[in-house]
Each structure stands twice: as structure tokens, then as C-alpha cells.
Amino acid sequence: MDYSQFGSMIPELIVLGIFMLVFLFDTFSNEGGKRILTPLTTVLFALGTVAIWLVPASGEEVFGGMYVNDTATNAIKAILNIGVFIVFLQSAKWVESDEVAIRKGEFYELLLVTLFGMYLMVSARHFLLFVIGLESASLPLAALVAFNKKHYESHEAAIKYIMTAVFSSAILLVGLSFVYAFSGGSLYFSDIALGVGGETSGLLIVALAFVIAGIGFKLSLVPFHLWTADTYQGAPTAITSYLSVISKGATAFAFFVIFVQCFGAVYSEIWEWMLYAVIIATITVGNLFAIRQKNMKRFMAFSSISQAGYIMLGAIAADGLGLASMMFYIFVYVVSNLGAFAVISTIEENAGKISMDDYNGLHKTNPWLSFAMTLAMFSLAGIPPFAGFFSKILIFTSVTGTNSWPLYVLVLIALINTIVSLYYYLLVVKAMWISPEEPKIAAFKTAPCQRVGLWLCIAGIVFFGLVPYIYQYCYDAVKDSLAFLTIF
């Protein structure tokens, strides 16, 4: 074995290195030393994120073509790292609480393992490596969801998550077994593309339906979404924010690569129409159920379901513009959703309030948090000039670029749903700024780390709504990695 191939796995080696340092420090340091574990991990991860962003990708396929780290995969890993760094900042106060402090090393270690698994997912060009990455990302998340040991809701959420993860993985593997037969006994993406070329048999339709269902569970696509609201509500808020953005971003990118590279030859005959139905159902059901929610974590759960539908519009485009738009949408979704969760977690930790009705008159006691939540809601709703508006415009443009009337109908339905989402996002804004009721949440001071994380989210929402650098970065990364898009 040529061990020099590991030199192409720079992002993975960085995350593993940080994991080992955190693990060793947590294991062998005394009680006094463990007090600096949180800032140490945060600083190390910040440096690792900068390194991933700056170190050029090799672009080589290694380990027999099972793994590739090109500019596109490097870009999505850097975007995911930004999200994880913000989660570290937002969770700093929570991990130092009396209930969690003794296990804060486990929190960081489990989070880094899930991130490592997501790295493998986005770089995989072989289904064996993809499944290893998928399970490496999924199983530690079940432990994180159950991190609040003394809370029954956390245990219930973890059981629902792990059962769903097990069944979705089983469904995915059944679909892959059919695909394995079509490829002539290979799990390489390139071999599968040759094996299914132009073939539209009933077995292939079933295989693709199973694969979409298996990955759809991870993305919370309708009708595979029923675990989402209960898991988001029961999990610690820091874990909920991580589930809602980081895991979705990695899975969406992997979904795009798998379906475009492996099954691009049967795009219009089979999986394009499957995705039409799934995307329309996901956006619509997510919006309609979000309107009914009063618990803020359940509200954000159904919001994230709807946002997953918009993200998957990039897969419908199935080209370089679609992938670049998807990556930009993921980045905007990271800063917008984490901005909203930062406010939710801050209020929950300081006031113990989680209902939307508790936000009535919030601007009178906490104008800074009300302002930050308003920007996050405006961005998620797609109101200009914030980043969410441009992310929606770009992803709609990528879909309509093929001049196909079904795609115009799909975009029209998505636009109508955007109006619906505007209504329920503004319900939160109305409660904070317009409600005549006296505030139920007293004034309090936000922890410094949470304030920094919130400022980063606001900067992303405002700045990247006006400056298209991140989109240009994503598009340039895709242009340099078009090899896996040579499909049709």
C-alpha cells in the first residue's frame, strides 16, 4: 500500500488531528486543565478551517479511485467547517453548564467524528466509502441527540433518530444491492454509470427509488421526514442546530454527486420525475406544518424540511451551475439557520422559554436578539437585500436554465411556497416587534462566545447578500471539478 496517498486527504487528516489532540487532552489533563478544553478546541478548529480553505486540493483520485479531494469537495468542506465553528461558539456556554461540563470532551469528540464521516461522504467515489462515511456521521449523532442524560425527551429523540437511521440505511443498502447487479459487480460510481447507461428497466426504477428513499431520510425529504420534528425538539438545542444545517449540507452535496455521476444517463427517464414529486411535497408539507407550530424548535424543524426541498432544486439542474447554486445556498442556509438557533438557544439557556408566544414584545427587553432573529428570518424567507434572497434567485435560475416547461412549473410552485414561508417567518417577527403584549422574557446579557457566533451569522447574512464572493468561489470550484459532471 502506498501510504503517500493519505497526503491527498488533508481535510480529513486535519479533523483527525484535532480529534486526537482533544481526546488526549481530555483523557490525561487534570480538572484545572480541562477548563481550557473549550477555548482550545475552538481555536484549533478555527486554525484547521483556515488551513482547509487555503491549502489547494490535489484533485487526484486515490485508493484505487475510491476517494477524491478536488476544489469542489474542498469548498463544501470549508463551508461545513464554518458552520461547525459557529456551533462551537454558540454551544460554549451550554457545554460549561453543571450538567454537561463533565462530558464536554465527549461532545467535541463526537462532533468531530461526525464531521469526519461527512468529509468521507462528499469525497467518496465508491459506495463502500460513502456508506462508511454515512454511518460514521450518523451513529455518533444518535449519542449527541441523547446527550442530556436526565431528560426523557432527549432519550426519546435519540431512539427515534437511531431507529430511523437504521431503517434508512437498510433501505439504501437494498437499493445499492440492485445497483451492484446493474454495474456488473462494481460499486465505483464510474462503473455504475456505464452499467445503467440508457437502461430503464423496472428493477432500475425500484433501485433508484430505494436509494432516493435512503438518502431522503438523512435530508428529511417528504415523505421520509417524520422523525425530524420530534428529534429536533428533544435534542439539546446545540445538537439541533448542528443536525439542521451541517448534516443536511454534506448529504445534499453527496446526493448531487451520486445521482449526477452514477445515474446521469437515466436522468430524464427515471429520477428527474421522482425528484419533482419529492421536492414539491417537501417544500409544501414543510411550509404548511411550520405554520401550525408554536414550539420554536419544532418550528425550525419544519422550516428546515422546506429548506431541504429548495436545496435539492440544485440537483434538478444537474450541471455545474446547479452545483454552484446548491453550495451557495448551503452556505447561506448555514449562517441564516444558525443565526436563528443562536437566538433560540440563548433565550432557552437564560430564560427557559421555547414557545413562539414567549417572544411577544421581545424587542422591549432584548432589542439586540430581536434584531438578529429578524435578519435570520428575513434571510430564510428570501427577502432582499439579504443573502437568502440571492441564494433563492440563483438556485431558481439554475433550474430554469434548461428551458423545460416542467421545470418552469416546478419553480412556480416553489415561488408560491416562498410566499407561504414568508407568512410564517414573519409570525416570529410580528411576535417580537408588533405584539402589544408585555414581554415575558426579562433582559439578560448574552455570553461573549454566543455574541461572536451571532455576529458572524449576521455578517454572513448581510455581507454575502451584497457581495457575491462566496458564490463566485463556489462556481470557480465547480468549474475546476467538472470531471464528475460529464454525464449526459
Protein backbone atom coordinates (compact mmCIF):
# COMPACT_ATOMS: atom_id res chain seq x y z
CA MET A 1 0.00 0.00 0.00
CA ASP A 2 1.27 3.46 -0.93
CA TYR A 3 0.87 5.50 2.27
CA SER A 4 1.68 8.70 0.39
CA GLN A 5 -1.93 8.61 -0.83
CA PHE A 6 -3.01 9.84 2.61
CA GLY A 7 -1.38 13.13 1.64
CA SER A 8 -4.40 13.81 -0.55
CA MET A 9 -6.70 13.62 2.49
CA ILE A 10 -5.58 16.91 4.03
CA PRO A 11 -9.05 17.95 5.37
CA GLU A 12 -9.64 14.52 6.92
CA LEU A 13 -6.17 14.45 8.46
CA ILE A 14 -6.73 17.91 9.95
CA VAL A 15 -10.01 16.86 11.57
CA LEU A 16 -8.50 13.60 12.85
CA GLY A 17 -5.52 15.51 14.22
CA ILE A 18 -7.80 17.89 16.12
CA PHE A 19 -9.81 14.90 17.36
CA MET A 20 -6.71 13.16 18.70
CA LEU A 21 -5.44 16.30 20.42
CA VAL A 22 -8.83 16.90 22.06
CA PHE A 23 -9.14 13.24 23.06
CA LEU A 24 -5.67 13.08 24.61
CA PHE A 25 -6.07 16.41 26.38
CA ASP A 26 -9.49 15.39 27.73
CA THR A 27 -8.18 12.00 28.88
CA PHE A 28 -4.93 13.00 30.58
CA SER A 29 -5.42 16.58 31.79
CA ASN A 30 -6.44 17.35 35.36
CA GLU A 31 -9.55 19.26 36.36
CA GLY A 32 -7.76 22.57 36.09
CA GLY A 33 -6.55 21.78 32.58
CA LYS A 34 -10.00 20.75 31.38
CA ARG A 35 -11.22 24.29 31.98
CA ILE A 36 -9.43 25.38 28.81
CA LEU A 37 -10.73 22.48 26.71
CA THR A 38 -13.50 24.57 25.13
CA PRO A 39 -11.31 27.51 24.02
CA LEU A 40 -8.53 25.10 22.99
CA THR A 41 -10.87 23.08 20.75
CA THR A 42 -12.43 26.20 19.27
CA VAL A 43 -9.05 27.76 18.43
CA LEU A 44 -7.67 24.52 16.97
CA PHE A 45 -10.76 24.11 14.83
CA ALA A 46 -10.57 27.72 13.63
CA LEU A 47 -6.98 27.15 12.53
CA GLY A 48 -7.98 23.90 10.84
CA THR A 49 -10.76 25.67 8.97
CA VAL A 50 -8.34 28.32 7.69
CA ALA A 51 -5.93 25.59 6.61
CA ILE A 52 -8.63 23.72 4.66
CA TRP A 53 -9.63 26.96 2.97
CA LEU A 54 -6.08 27.89 2.00
CA VAL A 55 -4.46 24.54 1.14
CA PRO A 56 -5.08 23.75 -2.53
CA ALA A 57 -6.82 20.49 -3.33
CA SER A 58 -4.76 17.84 -5.09
CA GLY A 59 -7.58 16.80 -7.42
CA GLU A 60 -6.18 13.27 -7.56
CA GLU A 61 -8.20 10.09 -7.22
CA VAL A 62 -6.53 7.88 -4.62
CA PHE A 63 -7.08 4.47 -3.05
CA GLY A 64 -7.96 2.99 -6.41
CA GLY A 65 -10.32 5.83 -7.31
CA MET A 66 -12.44 5.47 -4.16
CA TYR A 67 -11.60 8.95 -2.85
CA VAL A 68 -11.08 12.35 -4.47
CA ASN A 69 -10.37 15.74 -2.95
CA ASP A 70 -10.89 18.31 -5.70
CA THR A 71 -11.71 22.01 -5.42
CA ALA A 72 -15.46 21.41 -5.22
CA THR A 73 -15.22 18.94 -2.32
CA ASN A 74 -12.66 21.18 -0.63
CA ALA A 75 -15.06 24.11 -0.93
CA ILE A 76 -18.01 22.28 0.63
CA LYS A 77 -15.78 21.03 3.45
CA ALA A 78 -14.67 24.59 4.16
CA ILE A 79 -18.31 25.74 4.23
CA LEU A 80 -19.23 22.92 6.62
CA ASN A 81 -16.30 23.87 8.84
CA ILE A 82 -17.56 27.44 9.09
CA GLY A 83 -20.89 26.10 10.30
CA VAL A 84 -19.26 23.78 12.85
CA PHE A 85 -17.09 26.64 14.13
CA ILE A 86 -20.20 28.75 14.70
CA VAL A 87 -21.83 25.79 16.52
CA PHE A 88 -18.76 25.58 18.79
CA LEU A 89 -19.12 29.27 19.65
CA GLN A 90 -22.85 29.03 20.27
CA SER A 91 -22.56 25.93 22.46
CA ALA A 92 -19.65 27.23 24.59
CA LYS A 93 -21.89 28.32 27.48
CA TRP A 94 -24.01 25.15 27.34
CA VAL A 95 -21.02 22.77 27.48
CA GLU A 96 -19.74 24.60 30.56
CA SER A 97 -23.04 24.15 32.43
CA ASP A 98 -23.10 21.92 35.51
CA GLU A 99 -24.99 19.13 33.72
CA VAL A 100 -22.73 18.94 30.66
CA ALA A 101 -19.29 20.19 31.77
CA ILE A 102 -18.04 16.78 32.91
CA ARG A 103 -18.75 15.37 29.44
CA LYS A 104 -17.76 18.32 27.26
CA GLY A 105 -14.81 16.39 25.85
CA GLU A 106 -17.21 13.72 24.59
CA PHE A 107 -19.32 16.43 22.94
CA TYR A 108 -16.40 17.76 20.90
CA GLU A 109 -15.06 14.30 20.09
CA LEU A 110 -18.41 13.00 18.83
CA LEU A 111 -18.95 16.16 16.79
CA LEU A 112 -15.54 15.83 15.14
CA VAL A 113 -16.17 12.16 14.30
CA THR A 114 -19.46 13.03 12.59
CA LEU A 115 -17.69 15.76 10.61
CA PHE A 116 -15.02 13.26 9.54
CA GLY A 117 -17.77 10.94 8.28
CA MET A 118 -19.32 13.78 6.30
CA TYR A 119 -15.95 14.52 4.71
CA LEU A 120 -15.79 10.92 3.51
CA MET A 121 -19.32 11.18 2.11
CA VAL A 122 -18.59 14.20 -0.07
CA SER A 123 -15.23 12.84 -1.31
CA ALA A 124 -16.41 9.26 -1.95
CA ARG A 125 -16.39 7.92 -5.49
CA HIS A 126 -17.19 4.38 -4.35
CA PHE A 127 -20.32 3.32 -2.47
CA LEU A 128 -18.37 1.36 0.15
CA LEU A 129 -16.54 4.53 1.23
CA PHE A 130 -19.78 6.51 1.03
CA VAL A 131 -21.62 4.11 3.36
CA ILE A 132 -18.67 4.12 5.81
CA GLY A 133 -18.81 7.91 5.85
CA LEU A 134 -22.59 7.92 6.19
CA GLU A 135 -22.57 5.62 9.20
CA SER A 136 -19.59 7.43 10.76
CA ALA A 137 -21.67 10.60 10.58
CA SER A 138 -24.99 9.07 11.69
CA LEU A 139 -24.18 6.85 14.68
CA PRO A 140 -22.32 9.46 16.81
CA LEU A 141 -25.20 11.86 16.14
CA ALA A 142 -27.53 9.47 17.99
CA ALA A 143 -25.28 9.77 21.05
CA LEU A 144 -25.27 13.55 20.69
CA VAL A 145 -29.06 13.68 20.45
CA ALA A 146 -29.22 11.75 23.77
CA PHE A 147 -26.56 13.96 25.37
CA ASN A 148 -28.92 15.32 28.02
CA LYS A 149 -28.97 12.11 30.07
CA LYS A 150 -31.51 13.35 32.62
CA HIS A 151 -34.08 14.46 30.05
CA TYR A 152 -36.69 11.96 28.88
CA GLU A 153 -37.31 13.96 25.69
CA SER A 154 -33.64 13.61 24.74
CA HIS A 155 -33.79 9.82 25.14
CA GLU A 156 -36.97 9.63 23.08
CA ALA A 157 -35.45 11.78 20.35
CA ALA A 158 -32.34 9.58 20.23
CA ILE A 159 -34.40 6.39 19.90
CA LYS A 160 -36.43 7.87 17.07
CA TYR A 161 -33.29 9.07 15.35
CA ILE A 162 -31.35 5.80 15.65
CA MET A 163 -34.31 3.68 14.54
CA THR A 164 -34.85 5.91 11.54
CA ALA A 165 -31.14 5.86 10.72
CA VAL A 166 -31.06 2.05 10.89
CA PHE A 167 -34.06 1.57 8.62
CA SER A 168 -32.97 4.24 6.15
CA SER A 169 -29.51 2.65 5.91
CA ALA A 170 -31.14 -0.75 5.30
CA ILE A 171 -33.30 0.70 2.54
CA LEU A 172 -30.28 2.40 0.98
CA LEU A 173 -28.26 -0.84 1.04
CA VAL A 174 -31.08 -2.78 -0.60
CA GLY A 175 -31.12 -0.22 -3.39
CA LEU A 176 -27.34 -0.41 -3.72
CA SER A 177 -27.51 -4.20 -4.00
CA PHE A 178 -29.71 -3.78 -7.09
CA VAL A 179 -27.35 -1.15 -8.47
CA TYR A 180 -24.43 -3.51 -7.84
CA ALA A 181 -26.08 -6.03 -10.13
CA PHE A 182 -26.54 -3.48 -12.91
CA SER A 183 -22.89 -2.41 -12.74
CA GLY A 184 -21.62 -5.93 -13.27
CA GLY A 185 -20.33 -6.31 -9.73
CA SER A 186 -18.79 -2.91 -9.02
CA LEU A 187 -19.59 -0.11 -6.56
CA TYR A 188 -17.46 2.54 -8.28
CA PHE A 189 -19.54 5.50 -9.40
CA SER A 190 -17.95 5.47 -12.86
CA ASP A 191 -18.64 1.75 -13.36
CA ILE A 192 -22.25 2.16 -12.27
CA ALA A 193 -22.66 4.99 -14.79
CA LEU A 194 -21.55 2.63 -17.57
CA GLY A 195 -23.74 -0.21 -16.26
CA VAL A 196 -27.00 1.74 -16.17
CA GLY A 197 -26.42 3.74 -19.32
CA GLY A 198 -29.69 4.11 -21.19
CA GLU A 199 -31.37 1.21 -19.38
CA THR A 200 -34.83 1.89 -17.93
CA SER A 201 -35.93 -1.47 -16.56
CA GLY A 202 -38.37 -1.82 -13.70
CA LEU A 203 -35.63 -3.10 -11.40
CA LEU A 204 -33.57 0.05 -12.00
CA ILE A 205 -36.58 2.23 -11.17
CA VAL A 206 -37.02 0.32 -7.89
CA ALA A 207 -33.29 0.58 -7.15
CA LEU A 208 -33.27 4.35 -7.64
CA ALA A 209 -36.42 4.73 -5.57
CA PHE A 210 -34.72 2.87 -2.71
CA VAL A 211 -31.56 4.96 -2.99
CA ILE A 212 -33.56 8.21 -3.01
CA ALA A 213 -35.54 6.98 -0.01
CA GLY A 214 -32.41 6.02 1.92
CA ILE A 215 -30.70 9.36 1.35
CA GLY A 216 -34.03 11.19 1.67
CA PHE A 217 -34.23 10.12 5.32
CA LYS A 218 -30.91 11.84 6.01
CA LEU A 219 -32.10 15.01 4.26
CA SER A 220 -35.59 14.97 5.88
CA LEU A 221 -37.27 14.94 2.48
CA VAL A 222 -41.01 14.24 2.47
CA PRO A 223 -42.32 11.53 2.95
CA PHE A 224 -39.19 10.45 4.88
CA HIS A 225 -39.32 13.36 7.33
CA LEU A 226 -41.48 12.18 10.22
CA TRP A 227 -38.58 11.77 12.65
CA THR A 228 -37.35 15.34 12.20
CA ALA A 229 -39.65 17.43 14.40
CA ASP A 230 -39.57 15.07 17.40
CA THR A 231 -35.79 14.65 17.21
CA TYR A 232 -35.16 18.39 16.85
CA GLN A 233 -37.45 19.14 19.78
CA GLY A 234 -35.94 16.54 22.13
CA ALA A 235 -32.26 17.02 21.31
CA PRO A 236 -30.15 19.71 23.02
CA THR A 237 -30.50 22.93 21.03
CA ALA A 238 -26.81 22.96 20.11
CA ILE A 239 -27.20 19.50 18.56
CA THR A 240 -30.44 20.50 16.85
CA SER A 241 -28.69 23.40 15.14
CA TYR A 242 -25.90 21.05 14.01
CA LEU A 243 -28.40 18.49 12.69
CA SER A 244 -30.39 21.11 10.83
CA VAL A 245 -27.55 22.55 8.78
CA ILE A 246 -24.25 20.64 8.77
CA SER A 247 -25.59 17.13 8.13
CA LYS A 248 -28.01 18.46 5.51
CA GLY A 249 -25.30 20.32 3.65
CA ALA A 250 -22.98 17.33 3.44
CA THR A 251 -25.76 14.92 2.44
CA ALA A 252 -27.14 17.26 -0.22
CA PHE A 253 -23.73 17.60 -1.88
CA ALA A 254 -23.18 13.83 -1.75
CA PHE A 255 -26.68 13.27 -3.18
CA PHE A 256 -25.85 15.54 -6.13
CA VAL A 257 -22.57 13.79 -6.91
CA ILE A 258 -24.06 10.29 -6.62
CA PHE A 259 -27.07 10.89 -8.80
CA VAL A 260 -25.37 13.02 -11.42
CA GLN A 261 -22.29 10.85 -11.79
CA CYS A 262 -23.86 7.42 -11.32
CA PHE A 263 -27.32 7.85 -12.82
CA GLY A 264 -27.00 10.85 -15.14
CA ALA A 265 -27.66 8.66 -18.18
CA VAL A 266 -31.19 7.88 -16.91
CA TYR A 267 -31.83 11.37 -15.54
CA SER A 268 -34.84 12.37 -17.64
CA GLU A 269 -36.26 8.83 -17.86
CA ILE A 270 -36.34 7.99 -14.13
CA TRP A 271 -35.01 10.09 -11.28
CA GLU A 272 -35.83 13.59 -12.58
CA TRP A 273 -39.54 12.85 -12.17
CA MET A 274 -39.03 11.21 -8.80
CA LEU A 275 -37.28 14.34 -7.58
CA TYR A 276 -40.06 16.58 -8.94
CA ALA A 277 -42.58 14.83 -6.70
CA VAL A 278 -40.28 14.69 -3.66
CA ILE A 279 -39.23 18.36 -3.92
CA ILE A 280 -42.77 19.67 -4.35
CA ALA A 281 -44.01 17.56 -1.42
CA THR A 282 -41.04 18.56 0.76
CA ILE A 283 -41.39 22.31 0.24
CA THR A 284 -45.18 22.29 0.54
CA VAL A 285 -45.54 19.98 3.56
CA GLY A 286 -42.69 21.71 5.40
CA ASN A 287 -44.32 25.11 4.92
CA LEU A 288 -47.84 24.03 5.85
CA PHE A 289 -46.77 22.29 9.04
CA ALA A 290 -44.46 25.15 10.05
CA ILE A 291 -47.46 27.49 10.15
CA ARG A 292 -49.04 25.39 12.91
CA GLN A 293 -46.02 25.27 15.23
CA LYS A 294 -45.61 27.25 18.45
CA ASN A 295 -42.57 25.44 19.83
CA MET A 296 -39.61 27.22 18.23
CA LYS A 297 -37.54 24.06 17.76
CA ARG A 298 -40.41 22.26 16.01
CA PHE A 299 -40.98 25.43 14.00
CA MET A 300 -37.36 25.39 12.83
CA ALA A 301 -37.62 21.65 12.16
CA PHE A 302 -40.39 22.10 9.59
CA SER A 303 -38.62 25.17 8.25
CA SER A 304 -35.52 23.01 7.67
CA ILE A 305 -37.63 20.40 5.87
CA SER A 306 -38.88 23.07 3.49
CA GLN A 307 -35.35 24.47 3.03
CA ALA A 308 -34.12 20.95 2.14
CA GLY A 309 -36.56 21.00 -0.77
CA TYR A 310 -35.10 24.27 -2.04
CA ILE A 311 -31.56 22.91 -1.69
CA MET A 312 -32.48 19.87 -3.79
CA LEU A 313 -33.55 22.13 -6.67
CA GLY A 314 -29.85 22.31 -7.46
CA ALA A 315 -29.87 18.54 -8.07
CA ILE A 316 -32.67 19.00 -10.61
CA ALA A 317 -30.41 21.30 -12.63
CA ALA A 318 -27.78 18.51 -12.66
CA ASP A 319 -24.97 20.70 -14.02
CA GLY A 320 -22.15 22.91 -12.83
CA LEU A 321 -24.42 25.91 -12.31
CA GLY A 322 -26.79 23.78 -10.26
CA LEU A 323 -23.97 22.51 -8.03
CA ALA A 324 -22.54 26.02 -7.53
CA SER A 325 -26.00 27.35 -6.66
CA MET A 326 -26.54 24.45 -4.23
CA MET A 327 -23.23 25.15 -2.49
CA PHE A 328 -24.02 28.85 -2.20
CA TYR A 329 -27.49 28.03 -0.86
CA ILE A 330 -25.95 25.69 1.72
CA PHE A 331 -23.60 28.44 2.91
CA VAL A 332 -26.42 30.98 3.20
CA TYR A 333 -28.60 28.40 4.94
CA VAL A 334 -25.77 27.70 7.42
CA VAL A 335 -25.40 31.32 8.54
CA SER A 336 -29.17 32.07 8.46
CA ASN A 337 -30.33 28.97 10.31
CA LEU A 338 -27.52 29.08 12.86
CA GLY A 339 -28.32 32.74 13.44
CA ALA A 340 -31.90 31.78 14.32
CA PHE A 341 -30.78 28.89 16.52
CA ALA A 342 -28.29 31.16 18.30
CA VAL A 343 -31.17 33.35 19.47
CA ILE A 344 -33.32 30.33 20.38
CA SER A 345 -30.56 28.68 22.43
CA THR A 346 -29.58 31.94 24.14
CA ILE A 347 -33.17 32.58 25.24
CA GLU A 348 -33.65 28.95 26.29
CA GLU A 349 -30.49 28.96 28.43
CA ASN A 350 -31.16 32.31 30.09
CA ALA A 351 -34.96 32.40 30.36
CA GLY A 352 -36.07 28.79 29.85
CA LYS A 353 -38.53 29.90 27.14
CA ILE A 354 -39.03 27.95 23.91
CA SER A 355 -42.54 28.91 22.71
CA MET A 356 -43.16 31.49 19.99
CA ASP A 357 -45.68 33.19 22.28
CA ASP A 358 -42.86 33.84 24.75
CA TYR A 359 -41.22 36.06 22.13
CA ASN A 360 -44.04 38.60 22.31
CA GLY A 361 -42.58 42.05 22.91
CA LEU A 362 -39.02 40.73 22.98
CA HIS A 363 -37.66 43.95 21.45
CA LYS A 364 -38.51 45.86 24.63
CA THR A 365 -36.15 43.81 26.78
CA ASN A 366 -33.67 42.32 24.28
CA PRO A 367 -33.57 44.51 21.15
CA TRP A 368 -30.22 43.04 20.01
CA LEU A 369 -31.56 39.48 19.94
CA SER A 370 -34.78 40.67 18.26
CA PHE A 371 -32.73 42.39 15.56
CA ALA A 372 -30.59 39.29 14.95
CA MET A 373 -33.61 36.97 14.78
CA THR A 374 -35.34 39.35 12.37
CA LEU A 375 -32.37 39.27 9.98
CA ALA A 376 -32.27 35.47 10.16
CA MET A 377 -36.00 35.19 9.43
CA PHE A 378 -35.74 37.67 6.54
CA SER A 379 -32.87 35.70 5.03
CA LEU A 380 -34.62 32.33 5.39
CA ALA A 381 -37.75 33.84 3.83
CA GLY A 382 -35.75 35.25 0.90
CA ILE A 383 -36.36 38.97 1.47
CA PRO A 384 -33.91 41.29 -0.33
CA PRO A 385 -31.22 42.51 0.11
CA PHE A 386 -30.23 39.68 2.45
CA ALA A 387 -28.25 36.62 1.41
CA GLY A 388 -31.29 34.29 1.37
CA PHE A 389 -32.87 36.31 -1.45
CA PHE A 390 -29.88 35.85 -3.75
CA SER A 391 -29.47 32.18 -2.86
CA LYS A 392 -33.07 31.53 -3.96
CA ILE A 393 -32.65 33.61 -7.12
CA LEU A 394 -29.52 31.70 -8.10
CA ILE A 395 -30.98 28.26 -7.45
CA PHE A 396 -34.18 29.14 -9.37
CA THR A 397 -32.03 30.44 -12.24
CA SER A 398 -30.02 27.21 -12.35
CA VAL A 399 -33.23 25.16 -12.63
CA THR A 400 -34.84 27.26 -15.39
CA GLY A 401 -31.67 27.38 -17.49
CA THR A 402 -32.71 24.25 -19.44
CA ASN A 403 -35.88 25.91 -20.85
CA SER A 404 -38.08 22.92 -19.96
CA TRP A 405 -41.73 23.67 -19.17
CA PRO A 406 -41.96 21.13 -16.29
CA LEU A 407 -39.07 22.95 -14.62
CA TYR A 408 -40.87 26.28 -15.01
CA VAL A 409 -43.90 24.72 -13.29
CA LEU A 410 -41.62 23.39 -10.53
CA VAL A 411 -40.10 26.84 -9.97
CA LEU A 412 -43.59 28.42 -9.99
CA ILE A 413 -44.70 26.05 -7.22
CA ALA A 414 -41.52 26.82 -5.28
CA LEU A 415 -42.18 30.56 -5.67
CA ILE A 416 -45.74 30.18 -4.37
CA ASN A 417 -44.36 28.27 -1.41
CA THR A 418 -41.87 31.09 -0.81
CA ILE A 419 -44.86 33.39 -0.23
CA VAL A 420 -46.27 30.89 2.28
CA SER A 421 -42.92 30.70 4.06
CA LEU A 422 -42.80 34.49 4.20
CA TYR A 423 -46.01 34.39 6.24
CA TYR A 424 -44.80 32.06 8.96
CA TYR A 425 -41.32 33.57 9.22
CA LEU A 426 -42.95 36.96 9.72
CA LEU A 427 -45.04 35.49 12.54
CA VAL A 428 -41.85 35.41 14.60
CA VAL A 429 -41.01 38.99 13.60
CA LYS A 430 -44.54 40.09 14.46
CA ALA A 431 -44.34 38.49 17.90
CA MET A 432 -41.07 40.28 18.69
CA TRP A 433 -41.81 43.74 17.30
CA ILE A 434 -45.58 44.26 16.87
CA SER A 435 -47.32 42.23 19.57
CA PRO A 436 -48.95 44.57 22.13
CA GLU A 437 -48.37 42.11 24.99
CA GLU A 438 -45.87 42.82 27.71
CA PRO A 439 -42.60 40.90 27.28
CA LYS A 440 -42.36 37.53 29.02
CA ILE A 441 -38.57 37.38 28.76
CA ALA A 442 -36.59 39.68 31.03
CA ALA A 443 -33.48 41.49 29.85
CA PHE A 444 -30.25 39.49 30.10
CA LYS A 445 -26.68 39.65 28.82
CA THR A 446 -25.59 37.29 26.08
CA ALA A 447 -22.41 35.27 26.70
CA PRO A 448 -19.37 36.58 24.76
CA CYS A 449 -18.91 33.43 22.64
CA GLN A 450 -22.58 33.39 21.69
CA ARG A 451 -22.34 37.06 20.78
CA VAL A 452 -19.36 36.39 18.48
CA GLY A 453 -21.19 33.49 16.80
CA LEU A 454 -24.25 35.67 16.30
CA TRP A 455 -22.16 38.47 14.82
CA LEU A 456 -20.59 36.03 12.35
CA CYS A 457 -24.06 34.88 11.24
CA ILE A 458 -25.28 38.46 10.82
CA ALA A 459 -22.15 39.37 8.87
CA GLY A 460 -22.77 36.43 6.52
CA ILE A 461 -26.45 37.29 6.06
CA VAL A 462 -25.79 40.95 5.25
CA PHE A 463 -22.38 40.94 3.58
CA PHE A 464 -22.88 37.96 1.26
CA GLY A 465 -26.28 39.29 0.29
CA LEU A 466 -24.45 42.27 -1.22
CA VAL A 467 -21.09 40.80 -2.23
CA PRO A 468 -21.16 37.66 -4.43
CA TYR A 469 -17.71 36.42 -3.42
CA ILE A 470 -18.87 33.14 -1.91
CA TYR A 471 -20.96 32.29 -4.97
CA GLN A 472 -18.04 33.09 -7.27
CA TYR A 473 -15.80 30.92 -5.05
CA CYS A 474 -18.28 28.03 -5.32
CA TYR A 475 -18.65 28.44 -9.08
CA ASP A 476 -14.89 28.57 -9.65
CA ALA A 477 -14.51 25.43 -7.51
CA VAL A 478 -17.12 23.61 -9.59
CA LYS A 479 -15.55 24.71 -12.87
CA ASP A 480 -12.27 23.17 -11.77
CA SER A 481 -14.03 19.90 -10.90
CA LEU A 482 -16.29 19.29 -13.87
CA ALA A 483 -14.89 15.82 -14.47
CA PHE A 484 -17.63 14.15 -12.43
CA LEU A 485 -20.31 16.18 -14.27
CA THR A 486 -19.55 14.63 -17.66
CA ILE A 487 -22.71 12.57 -17.74
CA PHE A 488 -25.26 13.25 -20.43
